[in-house]
Structure formats: structure tokens, C-alpha cells
Amino acid sequence: MARTGQTVKVDVEMREAAEALDAGARWPLLDNMPLAGIEQVVRIRAGRPDAPRKLPEAPGTVRLNRAHTIAETGIALIPVGASTHSAPALDLTMLPTTGPVPA
């Protein structure tokens, strides 16, 4: 694959993780992967000479109460979505009008 200067994140399944790292993926996304799978990808990454440049990420429905357990696997990045998927909604109503804007 030719280098384009663009960063591409690759969503991988367990069986594809080593292949993605071999192909040059720097940020393999382990989306909703079980803890055992994350641990296995971290071990695969650790045995590679370019390990410091490979930063697997464990996105998905990670909540704060589970982030510590995932971090203990040695995963590089954990985005926590609790601030968005659990946040209460703000109901806004827009009433557009025509004509000049009142001062």
C-alpha cells in the first residue's frame, strides 16, 4: 500500500489483528472486542519490534466503570462514550420567522 500521508484507523476482528499490524495499521480498532481478545492483541503487539508505533484502541460502549479493567490489559487508547451515549438530551425548539430581525 502506498503511503499517502493520511491516518486510517482499521476496525478489526481478533483473527484480523495480526494481519492488520503486519500490513502497517498503526491504530487497529478493537470495537466491542471481549477482554480476552484485547489481551491477545496487546500480546501480539508487544512481541513486535515496531510496538511503540502501534496503538490499538478499544472503542465501543465503554463505560467509566469498565475502563480500568480494560486499561489493565495494556491497551493504548480507550475512548469512553459515557459522556455522549448516556447524557440527557437537550430539547431545543427553533421558531424561524421571515422579515427583519427584531432589535
N, C-alpha and C. Protein backbone atom coordinates (compact mmCIF):
# COMPACT_ATOMS: atom_id res chain seq x y z
N MET A 1 0.84 -1.17 0.00
CA MET A 1 0.00 0.00 0.00
C MET A 1 0.89 1.24 0.00
N ALA A 2 0.60 2.16 -0.87
CA ALA A 2 1.39 3.39 -0.96
C ALA A 2 1.06 4.32 0.20
N ARG A 3 2.05 5.02 0.67
CA ARG A 3 1.83 5.97 1.76
C ARG A 3 1.23 7.25 1.19
N THR A 4 0.18 7.72 1.82
CA THR A 4 -0.50 8.92 1.34
C THR A 4 -0.38 10.08 2.31
N GLY A 5 0.18 9.84 3.48
CA GLY A 5 0.27 10.88 4.49
C GLY A 5 -1.02 11.02 5.30
N GLN A 6 -1.96 10.12 5.08
CA GLN A 6 -3.22 10.17 5.80
C GLN A 6 -3.26 9.05 6.84
N THR A 7 -3.88 9.33 7.97
CA THR A 7 -4.05 8.33 9.01
C THR A 7 -5.36 7.60 8.77
N VAL A 8 -5.30 6.29 8.78
CA VAL A 8 -6.50 5.48 8.60
C VAL A 8 -6.60 4.52 9.78
N LYS A 9 -7.73 4.56 10.47
CA LYS A 9 -7.97 3.61 11.56
C LYS A 9 -8.69 2.41 10.97
N VAL A 10 -8.31 1.21 11.39
CA VAL A 10 -8.86 -0.02 10.84
C VAL A 10 -9.59 -0.78 11.94
N ASP A 11 -10.87 -1.05 11.72
CA ASP A 11 -11.66 -1.84 12.67
C ASP A 11 -11.40 -3.31 12.38
N VAL A 12 -10.89 -4.05 13.37
CA VAL A 12 -10.50 -5.44 13.13
C VAL A 12 -11.20 -6.39 14.10
N GLU A 13 -11.36 -7.62 13.63
CA GLU A 13 -11.79 -8.72 14.48
C GLU A 13 -10.52 -9.39 15.01
N MET A 14 -10.65 -10.25 16.01
CA MET A 14 -9.48 -10.89 16.62
C MET A 14 -8.61 -11.58 15.57
N ARG A 15 -9.22 -12.32 14.66
CA ARG A 15 -8.45 -13.09 13.69
C ARG A 15 -7.74 -12.19 12.67
N GLU A 16 -8.11 -10.92 12.58
CA GLU A 16 -7.52 -10.00 11.62
C GLU A 16 -6.47 -9.08 12.24
N ALA A 17 -6.34 -9.08 13.54
CA ALA A 17 -5.48 -8.12 14.22
C ALA A 17 -4.02 -8.24 13.81
N ALA A 18 -3.46 -9.45 13.81
CA ALA A 18 -2.05 -9.63 13.44
C ALA A 18 -1.83 -9.23 11.99
N GLU A 19 -2.76 -9.59 11.12
CA GLU A 19 -2.65 -9.22 9.70
C GLU A 19 -2.68 -7.70 9.53
N ALA A 20 -3.54 -7.03 10.27
CA ALA A 20 -3.62 -5.57 10.18
C ALA A 20 -2.32 -4.93 10.65
N LEU A 21 -1.74 -5.43 11.74
CA LEU A 21 -0.47 -4.90 12.23
C LEU A 21 0.64 -5.16 11.22
N ASP A 22 0.66 -6.35 10.61
CA ASP A 22 1.66 -6.67 9.59
C ASP A 22 1.54 -5.76 8.38
N ALA A 23 0.31 -5.36 8.06
CA ALA A 23 0.06 -4.50 6.89
C ALA A 23 0.38 -3.04 7.18
N GLY A 24 0.73 -2.72 8.42
CA GLY A 24 1.13 -1.36 8.75
C GLY A 24 0.09 -0.56 9.51
N ALA A 25 -0.99 -1.18 9.94
CA ALA A 25 -2.01 -0.45 10.70
C ALA A 25 -1.40 0.04 12.01
N ARG A 26 -1.53 1.33 12.26
CA ARG A 26 -0.99 1.89 13.50
C ARG A 26 -2.05 1.98 14.59
N TRP A 27 -3.31 2.12 14.20
CA TRP A 27 -4.40 2.25 15.17
C TRP A 27 -5.49 1.22 14.88
N PRO A 28 -5.24 -0.06 15.14
CA PRO A 28 -6.32 -1.03 14.94
C PRO A 28 -7.42 -0.81 16.00
N LEU A 29 -8.65 -0.74 15.54
CA LEU A 29 -9.79 -0.54 16.44
C LEU A 29 -10.37 -1.88 16.85
N LEU A 30 -10.37 -2.16 18.11
CA LEU A 30 -10.87 -3.42 18.64
C LEU A 30 -12.28 -3.18 19.18
N ASP A 31 -13.18 -2.82 18.29
CA ASP A 31 -14.53 -2.37 18.65
C ASP A 31 -15.36 -3.48 19.28
N ASN A 32 -15.79 -3.25 20.51
CA ASN A 32 -16.62 -4.20 21.26
C ASN A 32 -16.00 -5.59 21.37
N MET A 33 -14.68 -5.67 21.37
CA MET A 33 -13.99 -6.95 21.48
C MET A 33 -14.00 -7.41 22.94
N PRO A 34 -14.18 -8.69 23.19
CA PRO A 34 -14.13 -9.19 24.57
C PRO A 34 -12.76 -8.95 25.19
N LEU A 35 -12.72 -8.88 26.50
CA LEU A 35 -11.49 -8.60 27.23
C LEU A 35 -10.37 -9.58 26.85
N ALA A 36 -10.68 -10.85 26.72
CA ALA A 36 -9.65 -11.84 26.35
C ALA A 36 -9.07 -11.54 24.98
N GLY A 37 -9.88 -11.07 24.06
CA GLY A 37 -9.40 -10.71 22.73
C GLY A 37 -8.48 -9.50 22.77
N ILE A 38 -8.85 -8.50 23.57
CA ILE A 38 -8.00 -7.32 23.72
C ILE A 38 -6.64 -7.72 24.29
N GLU A 39 -6.65 -8.58 25.31
CA GLU A 39 -5.39 -9.04 25.91
C GLU A 39 -4.53 -9.75 24.87
N GLN A 40 -5.14 -10.55 24.01
CA GLN A 40 -4.38 -11.27 22.99
C GLN A 40 -3.77 -10.31 21.97
N VAL A 41 -4.52 -9.30 21.54
CA VAL A 41 -3.98 -8.32 20.59
C VAL A 41 -2.83 -7.55 21.23
N VAL A 42 -2.96 -7.20 22.51
CA VAL A 42 -1.89 -6.49 23.22
C VAL A 42 -0.63 -7.36 23.26
N ARG A 43 -0.78 -8.67 23.48
CA ARG A 43 0.38 -9.58 23.48
C ARG A 43 1.01 -9.66 22.09
N ILE A 44 0.19 -9.74 21.05
CA ILE A 44 0.71 -9.78 19.68
C ILE A 44 1.51 -8.52 19.40
N ARG A 45 0.95 -7.37 19.79
CA ARG A 45 1.60 -6.09 19.56
C ARG A 45 2.92 -6.00 20.33
N ALA A 46 2.94 -6.48 21.57
CA ALA A 46 4.13 -6.37 22.42
C ALA A 46 5.31 -7.14 21.85
N GLY A 47 5.05 -8.20 21.10
CA GLY A 47 6.13 -9.00 20.54
C GLY A 47 6.70 -8.46 19.24
N ARG A 48 6.26 -7.30 18.83
CA ARG A 48 6.70 -6.74 17.55
C ARG A 48 7.76 -5.66 17.77
N PRO A 49 8.75 -5.56 16.86
CA PRO A 49 9.78 -4.54 17.03
C PRO A 49 9.23 -3.12 16.89
N ASP A 50 8.13 -2.95 16.17
CA ASP A 50 7.56 -1.62 15.98
C ASP A 50 6.42 -1.34 16.97
N ALA A 51 6.38 -2.08 18.07
CA ALA A 51 5.30 -1.98 19.06
C ALA A 51 5.03 -0.55 19.54
N PRO A 52 6.06 0.28 19.81
CA PRO A 52 5.76 1.63 20.30
C PRO A 52 4.98 2.48 19.29
N ARG A 53 5.04 2.12 18.02
CA ARG A 53 4.33 2.88 16.99
C ARG A 53 2.93 2.33 16.72
N LYS A 54 2.57 1.22 17.33
CA LYS A 54 1.26 0.61 17.14
C LYS A 54 0.40 0.91 18.36
N LEU A 55 -0.72 1.55 18.17
CA LEU A 55 -1.56 1.96 19.29
C LEU A 55 -2.97 1.40 19.14
N PRO A 56 -3.19 0.15 19.54
CA PRO A 56 -4.55 -0.38 19.43
C PRO A 56 -5.52 0.38 20.33
N GLU A 57 -6.72 0.55 19.83
CA GLU A 57 -7.75 1.30 20.53
C GLU A 57 -8.95 0.39 20.78
N ALA A 58 -9.53 0.48 21.97
CA ALA A 58 -10.69 -0.34 22.33
C ALA A 58 -11.93 0.53 22.45
N PRO A 59 -12.52 0.91 21.31
CA PRO A 59 -13.75 1.71 21.38
C PRO A 59 -14.96 0.82 21.60
N GLY A 60 -16.11 1.38 21.46
CA GLY A 60 -17.34 0.62 21.66
C GLY A 60 -18.13 1.28 22.76
N THR A 61 -18.88 0.51 23.46
CA THR A 61 -19.72 1.07 24.53
C THR A 61 -18.99 0.97 25.86
N VAL A 62 -17.83 1.60 25.93
CA VAL A 62 -17.02 1.57 27.16
C VAL A 62 -17.59 2.59 28.14
N ARG A 63 -17.90 2.12 29.31
CA ARG A 63 -18.37 2.99 30.38
C ARG A 63 -17.24 3.16 31.39
N LEU A 64 -17.31 4.24 32.15
CA LEU A 64 -16.23 4.54 33.10
C LEU A 64 -15.96 3.40 34.06
N ASN A 65 -17.00 2.68 34.50
CA ASN A 65 -16.78 1.61 35.48
C ASN A 65 -16.03 0.43 34.89
N ARG A 66 -15.91 0.34 33.57
CA ARG A 66 -15.19 -0.76 32.93
C ARG A 66 -13.83 -0.32 32.37
N ALA A 67 -13.60 0.97 32.29
CA ALA A 67 -12.37 1.49 31.69
C ALA A 67 -11.12 0.99 32.40
N HIS A 68 -11.13 0.93 33.73
CA HIS A 68 -9.95 0.49 34.48
C HIS A 68 -9.59 -0.95 34.14
N THR A 69 -10.58 -1.82 34.06
CA THR A 69 -10.34 -3.23 33.73
C THR A 69 -9.74 -3.35 32.34
N ILE A 70 -10.25 -2.59 31.39
CA ILE A 70 -9.72 -2.62 30.03
C ILE A 70 -8.29 -2.06 30.01
N ALA A 71 -8.04 -0.99 30.77
CA ALA A 71 -6.70 -0.39 30.82
C ALA A 71 -5.67 -1.38 31.34
N GLU A 72 -6.06 -2.25 32.26
CA GLU A 72 -5.13 -3.22 32.81
C GLU A 72 -4.62 -4.23 31.77
N THR A 73 -5.27 -4.32 30.62
CA THR A 73 -4.80 -5.22 29.56
C THR A 73 -3.55 -4.68 28.89
N GLY A 74 -3.30 -3.38 29.04
CA GLY A 74 -2.17 -2.76 28.36
C GLY A 74 -2.56 -2.08 27.06
N ILE A 75 -3.86 -1.99 26.79
CA ILE A 75 -4.34 -1.34 25.57
C ILE A 75 -3.88 0.11 25.58
N ALA A 76 -3.62 0.67 24.40
CA ALA A 76 -3.07 2.02 24.32
C ALA A 76 -4.12 3.11 24.49
N LEU A 77 -5.29 2.96 23.89
CA LEU A 77 -6.29 4.02 23.89
C LEU A 77 -7.67 3.46 24.24
N ILE A 78 -8.39 4.18 25.10
CA ILE A 78 -9.76 3.77 25.46
C ILE A 78 -10.66 5.01 25.40
N PRO A 79 -11.42 5.17 24.33
CA PRO A 79 -12.38 6.27 24.32
C PRO A 79 -13.59 5.88 25.16
N VAL A 80 -14.02 6.76 26.04
CA VAL A 80 -15.16 6.47 26.90
C VAL A 80 -16.35 7.27 26.38
N GLY A 81 -17.38 6.57 25.94
CA GLY A 81 -18.52 7.23 25.33
C GLY A 81 -19.62 7.61 26.29
N ALA A 82 -19.42 7.40 27.57
CA ALA A 82 -20.48 7.69 28.55
C ALA A 82 -20.91 9.15 28.51
N SER A 83 -20.00 10.03 28.13
CA SER A 83 -20.35 11.45 28.11
C SER A 83 -21.34 11.78 27.00
N THR A 84 -21.44 10.91 25.99
CA THR A 84 -22.38 11.18 24.90
C THR A 84 -23.55 10.21 24.88
N HIS A 85 -23.31 8.91 25.00
CA HIS A 85 -24.43 7.99 24.85
C HIS A 85 -25.28 7.86 26.10
N SER A 86 -24.84 8.42 27.20
CA SER A 86 -25.65 8.37 28.42
C SER A 86 -26.09 9.76 28.87
N ALA A 87 -25.73 10.77 28.12
CA ALA A 87 -26.06 12.14 28.51
C ALA A 87 -27.53 12.43 28.24
N PRO A 88 -28.16 13.20 29.13
CA PRO A 88 -29.55 13.57 28.86
C PRO A 88 -29.63 14.50 27.65
N ALA A 89 -30.72 14.43 26.95
CA ALA A 89 -30.89 15.26 25.76
C ALA A 89 -31.32 16.66 26.15
N LEU A 90 -30.97 17.61 25.32
CA LEU A 90 -31.40 19.00 25.49
C LEU A 90 -32.40 19.27 24.38
N ASP A 91 -33.61 19.57 24.74
CA ASP A 91 -34.67 19.79 23.76
C ASP A 91 -34.68 21.27 23.38
N LEU A 92 -34.36 21.56 22.13
CA LEU A 92 -34.36 22.93 21.63
C LEU A 92 -35.43 23.05 20.55
N THR A 93 -36.12 24.16 20.56
CA THR A 93 -37.11 24.42 19.52
C THR A 93 -36.69 25.68 18.79
N MET A 94 -36.72 25.61 17.47
CA MET A 94 -36.40 26.78 16.65
C MET A 94 -37.69 27.27 16.01
N LEU A 95 -37.93 28.56 16.11
CA LEU A 95 -39.11 29.16 15.51
C LEU A 95 -38.66 30.18 14.47
N PRO A 96 -38.40 29.72 13.26
CA PRO A 96 -37.93 30.66 12.24
C PRO A 96 -39.04 31.63 11.84
N THR A 97 -38.63 32.84 11.56
CA THR A 97 -39.57 33.86 11.11
C THR A 97 -39.04 34.50 9.84
N THR A 98 -39.91 35.18 9.14
CA THR A 98 -39.47 35.92 7.96
C THR A 98 -39.49 37.39 8.29
N GLY A 99 -38.75 38.15 7.55
CA GLY A 99 -38.74 39.59 7.78
C GLY A 99 -37.54 40.01 8.59
N PRO A 100 -37.49 41.27 8.99
CA PRO A 100 -36.34 41.80 9.73
C PRO A 100 -36.25 41.18 11.12
N VAL A 101 -35.03 41.10 11.59
CA VAL A 101 -34.76 40.57 12.93
C VAL A 101 -35.06 41.67 13.94
N PRO A 102 -35.87 41.39 14.97
CA PRO A 102 -36.16 42.43 15.97
C PRO A 102 -34.90 42.81 16.74
N ALA A 103 -34.81 44.07 17.09
CA ALA A 103 -33.63 44.59 17.80
C ALA A 103 -33.68 44.26 19.26
